[in-house]
Amino acid sequence: MSREEKGRGIAREAAPACLTYGFARLGYDAIGAGALVENAGLRRVLEKLGMRRKPNAYFDANGGVYYRIEHQEWRAE
């Protein structure tokens, strides 16, 4: 993503559609996402989607955080 695109709400608009596609169309049981610790904007987007932080060896060891939401926790908008 370019600097001009950051902070324009693209992730906030696209993320709910991605969850809908993954759960409703593809039938996933859960969906996960990772973000760098310092990327507070993306982390807020993930939290607003209802995703919760979960331990993950790779992300924890590499400056990131991992979020996950189960299908039964998700509410389509």
N, C-alpha and C. Protein backbone atom coordinates (compact mmCIF):
# COMPACT_ATOMS: atom_id res chain seq x y z
N MET A 1 0.85 -1.17 0.00
CA MET A 1 0.00 0.00 0.00
C MET A 1 0.90 1.24 0.00
N SER A 2 0.57 2.18 -0.84
CA SER A 2 1.37 3.39 -0.92
C SER A 2 1.05 4.32 0.25
N ARG A 3 1.93 5.28 0.47
CA ARG A 3 1.70 6.26 1.55
C ARG A 3 0.41 7.04 1.33
N GLU A 4 0.08 7.31 0.06
CA GLU A 4 -1.14 8.06 -0.24
C GLU A 4 -2.39 7.29 0.14
N GLU A 5 -2.31 5.97 0.11
CA GLU A 5 -3.47 5.13 0.41
C GLU A 5 -3.67 4.92 1.91
N LYS A 6 -2.63 5.05 2.69
CA LYS A 6 -2.73 4.80 4.13
C LYS A 6 -3.67 5.80 4.79
N GLY A 7 -4.49 5.29 5.69
CA GLY A 7 -5.38 6.14 6.45
C GLY A 7 -6.63 6.58 5.71
N ARG A 8 -6.90 5.98 4.57
CA ARG A 8 -8.08 6.38 3.78
C ARG A 8 -9.26 5.44 3.99
N GLY A 9 -9.15 4.48 4.89
CA GLY A 9 -10.28 3.61 5.21
C GLY A 9 -10.47 2.43 4.28
N ILE A 10 -9.49 2.14 3.44
CA ILE A 10 -9.64 1.03 2.50
C ILE A 10 -9.76 -0.30 3.24
N ALA A 11 -8.90 -0.54 4.22
CA ALA A 11 -8.96 -1.79 4.99
C ALA A 11 -10.27 -1.87 5.76
N ARG A 12 -10.72 -0.76 6.31
CA ARG A 12 -11.96 -0.74 7.09
C ARG A 12 -13.16 -1.12 6.22
N GLU A 13 -13.12 -0.74 4.95
CA GLU A 13 -14.21 -1.07 4.03
C GLU A 13 -14.09 -2.48 3.48
N ALA A 14 -12.89 -2.93 3.19
CA ALA A 14 -12.69 -4.23 2.55
C ALA A 14 -12.77 -5.40 3.53
N ALA A 15 -12.33 -5.20 4.75
CA ALA A 15 -12.23 -6.31 5.70
C ALA A 15 -13.57 -6.98 6.00
N PRO A 16 -14.66 -6.24 6.24
CA PRO A 16 -15.93 -6.93 6.47
C PRO A 16 -16.37 -7.79 5.27
N ALA A 17 -16.11 -7.29 4.07
CA ALA A 17 -16.45 -8.06 2.87
C ALA A 17 -15.63 -9.34 2.79
N CYS A 18 -14.38 -9.28 3.21
CA CYS A 18 -13.53 -10.47 3.20
C CYS A 18 -14.05 -11.52 4.19
N LEU A 19 -14.47 -11.06 5.37
CA LEU A 19 -15.03 -12.00 6.34
C LEU A 19 -16.32 -12.62 5.80
N THR A 20 -17.17 -11.81 5.22
CA THR A 20 -18.42 -12.33 4.64
C THR A 20 -18.12 -13.38 3.59
N TYR A 21 -17.17 -13.09 2.71
CA TYR A 21 -16.81 -14.04 1.65
C TYR A 21 -16.25 -15.33 2.25
N GLY A 22 -15.36 -15.20 3.22
CA GLY A 22 -14.74 -16.38 3.82
C GLY A 22 -15.73 -17.26 4.56
N PHE A 23 -16.61 -16.65 5.32
CA PHE A 23 -17.56 -17.43 6.11
C PHE A 23 -18.79 -17.86 5.30
N ALA A 24 -19.44 -16.92 4.63
CA ALA A 24 -20.70 -17.22 3.95
C ALA A 24 -20.50 -17.97 2.63
N ARG A 25 -19.49 -17.60 1.89
CA ARG A 25 -19.31 -18.20 0.56
C ARG A 25 -18.39 -19.42 0.58
N LEU A 26 -17.26 -19.30 1.31
CA LEU A 26 -16.29 -20.39 1.32
C LEU A 26 -16.49 -21.38 2.46
N GLY A 27 -17.27 -20.99 3.46
CA GLY A 27 -17.58 -21.90 4.56
C GLY A 27 -16.46 -22.12 5.56
N TYR A 28 -15.56 -21.15 5.71
CA TYR A 28 -14.47 -21.30 6.67
C TYR A 28 -15.01 -21.38 8.10
N ASP A 29 -14.31 -22.14 8.94
CA ASP A 29 -14.65 -22.23 10.36
C ASP A 29 -14.06 -21.07 11.15
N ALA A 30 -12.95 -20.53 10.67
CA ALA A 30 -12.27 -19.42 11.35
C ALA A 30 -11.43 -18.66 10.33
N ILE A 31 -11.15 -17.39 10.63
CA ILE A 31 -10.30 -16.56 9.77
C ILE A 31 -9.32 -15.84 10.67
N GLY A 32 -8.06 -15.81 10.25
CA GLY A 32 -7.01 -15.15 11.02
C GLY A 32 -6.33 -14.07 10.20
N ALA A 33 -5.67 -13.16 10.92
CA ALA A 33 -4.94 -12.07 10.27
C ALA A 33 -3.79 -11.65 11.17
N GLY A 34 -2.73 -11.20 10.56
CA GLY A 34 -1.58 -10.72 11.31
C GLY A 34 -1.30 -9.26 11.02
N ALA A 35 -0.69 -8.59 11.98
CA ALA A 35 -0.31 -7.19 11.82
C ALA A 35 0.96 -6.93 12.61
N LEU A 36 1.73 -5.96 12.18
CA LEU A 36 2.88 -5.55 12.96
C LEU A 36 2.40 -4.87 14.24
N VAL A 37 3.14 -5.03 15.32
CA VAL A 37 2.75 -4.44 16.60
C VAL A 37 2.52 -2.94 16.46
N GLU A 38 3.37 -2.25 15.70
CA GLU A 38 3.28 -0.80 15.59
C GLU A 38 2.17 -0.32 14.64
N ASN A 39 1.50 -1.23 13.96
CA ASN A 39 0.44 -0.84 13.03
C ASN A 39 -0.89 -0.75 13.78
N ALA A 40 -1.03 0.30 14.58
CA ALA A 40 -2.20 0.48 15.43
C ALA A 40 -3.49 0.61 14.62
N GLY A 41 -3.42 1.22 13.46
CA GLY A 41 -4.61 1.39 12.64
C GLY A 41 -5.20 0.06 12.19
N LEU A 42 -4.35 -0.81 11.68
CA LEU A 42 -4.82 -2.12 11.25
C LEU A 42 -5.31 -2.94 12.44
N ARG A 43 -4.61 -2.85 13.54
CA ARG A 43 -5.04 -3.59 14.73
C ARG A 43 -6.42 -3.13 15.18
N ARG A 44 -6.70 -1.85 15.11
CA ARG A 44 -8.05 -1.34 15.46
C ARG A 44 -9.11 -1.89 14.51
N VAL A 45 -8.78 -1.95 13.22
CA VAL A 45 -9.72 -2.50 12.24
C VAL A 45 -10.04 -3.95 12.59
N LEU A 46 -9.03 -4.74 12.89
CA LEU A 46 -9.24 -6.15 13.22
C LEU A 46 -10.08 -6.30 14.48
N GLU A 47 -9.82 -5.47 15.47
CA GLU A 47 -10.58 -5.54 16.72
C GLU A 47 -12.04 -5.12 16.51
N LYS A 48 -12.27 -4.11 15.67
CA LYS A 48 -13.64 -3.68 15.38
C LYS A 48 -14.43 -4.75 14.63
N LEU A 49 -13.73 -5.61 13.93
CA LEU A 49 -14.37 -6.73 13.24
C LEU A 49 -14.77 -7.84 14.21
N GLY A 50 -14.33 -7.72 15.44
CA GLY A 50 -14.61 -8.76 16.43
C GLY A 50 -13.50 -9.78 16.56
N MET A 51 -12.40 -9.55 15.87
CA MET A 51 -11.27 -10.47 15.96
C MET A 51 -10.55 -10.26 17.29
N ARG A 52 -10.01 -11.35 17.83
CA ARG A 52 -9.32 -11.29 19.12
C ARG A 52 -7.88 -11.75 18.95
N ARG A 53 -7.00 -11.13 19.75
CA ARG A 53 -5.59 -11.54 19.73
C ARG A 53 -5.45 -12.96 20.22
N LYS A 54 -4.63 -13.72 19.54
CA LYS A 54 -4.34 -15.10 19.89
C LYS A 54 -2.83 -15.31 19.83
N PRO A 55 -2.30 -16.14 20.71
CA PRO A 55 -0.87 -16.46 20.62
C PRO A 55 -0.55 -17.13 19.29
N ASN A 56 0.58 -16.78 18.73
CA ASN A 56 1.03 -17.37 17.48
C ASN A 56 2.56 -17.28 17.47
N ALA A 57 3.21 -18.41 17.46
CA ALA A 57 4.68 -18.45 17.60
C ALA A 57 5.37 -17.60 16.54
N TYR A 58 4.94 -17.67 15.29
CA TYR A 58 5.61 -16.92 14.23
C TYR A 58 5.45 -15.42 14.45
N PHE A 59 4.23 -14.94 14.60
CA PHE A 59 4.01 -13.51 14.76
C PHE A 59 4.63 -12.99 16.06
N ASP A 60 4.49 -13.74 17.14
CA ASP A 60 5.05 -13.33 18.42
C ASP A 60 6.57 -13.15 18.35
N ALA A 61 7.24 -13.99 17.58
CA ALA A 61 8.70 -13.95 17.48
C ALA A 61 9.20 -12.93 16.46
N ASN A 62 8.30 -12.38 15.65
CA ASN A 62 8.73 -11.51 14.55
C ASN A 62 8.10 -10.12 14.58
N GLY A 63 7.75 -9.62 15.75
CA GLY A 63 7.26 -8.26 15.86
C GLY A 63 5.83 -8.07 15.43
N GLY A 64 5.07 -9.14 15.44
CA GLY A 64 3.69 -9.03 15.00
C GLY A 64 2.72 -9.52 16.05
N VAL A 65 1.46 -9.37 15.74
CA VAL A 65 0.37 -9.91 16.56
C VAL A 65 -0.59 -10.64 15.62
N TYR A 66 -1.22 -11.65 16.15
CA TYR A 66 -2.14 -12.47 15.36
C TYR A 66 -3.54 -12.35 15.93
N TYR A 67 -4.51 -12.18 15.06
CA TYR A 67 -5.92 -12.08 15.43
C TYR A 67 -6.70 -13.18 14.74
N ARG A 68 -7.79 -13.59 15.38
CA ARG A 68 -8.60 -14.68 14.83
C ARG A 68 -10.06 -14.48 15.23
N ILE A 69 -10.95 -14.90 14.36
CA ILE A 69 -12.38 -14.90 14.67
C ILE A 69 -12.97 -16.22 14.19
N GLU A 70 -13.78 -16.83 15.03
CA GLU A 70 -14.47 -18.06 14.68
C GLU A 70 -15.77 -17.72 13.97
N HIS A 71 -16.23 -18.62 13.13
CA HIS A 71 -17.46 -18.38 12.39
C HIS A 71 -18.63 -18.08 13.33
N GLN A 72 -18.76 -18.82 14.43
CA GLN A 72 -19.88 -18.60 15.33
C GLN A 72 -19.80 -17.25 16.07
N GLU A 73 -18.63 -16.61 16.09
CA GLU A 73 -18.48 -15.29 16.72
C GLU A 73 -18.82 -14.14 15.76
N TRP A 74 -18.80 -14.43 14.47
CA TRP A 74 -18.95 -13.43 13.43
C TRP A 74 -20.41 -13.05 13.22
N ARG A 75 -20.63 -11.78 12.99
CA ARG A 75 -21.96 -11.28 12.65
C ARG A 75 -21.86 -10.53 11.33
N ALA A 76 -22.59 -11.00 10.34
CA ALA A 76 -22.58 -10.33 9.04
C ALA A 76 -23.21 -8.95 9.17
N GLU A 77 -22.64 -7.99 8.47
CA GLU A 77 -23.18 -6.62 8.52
C GLU A 77 -24.00 -6.32 7.30
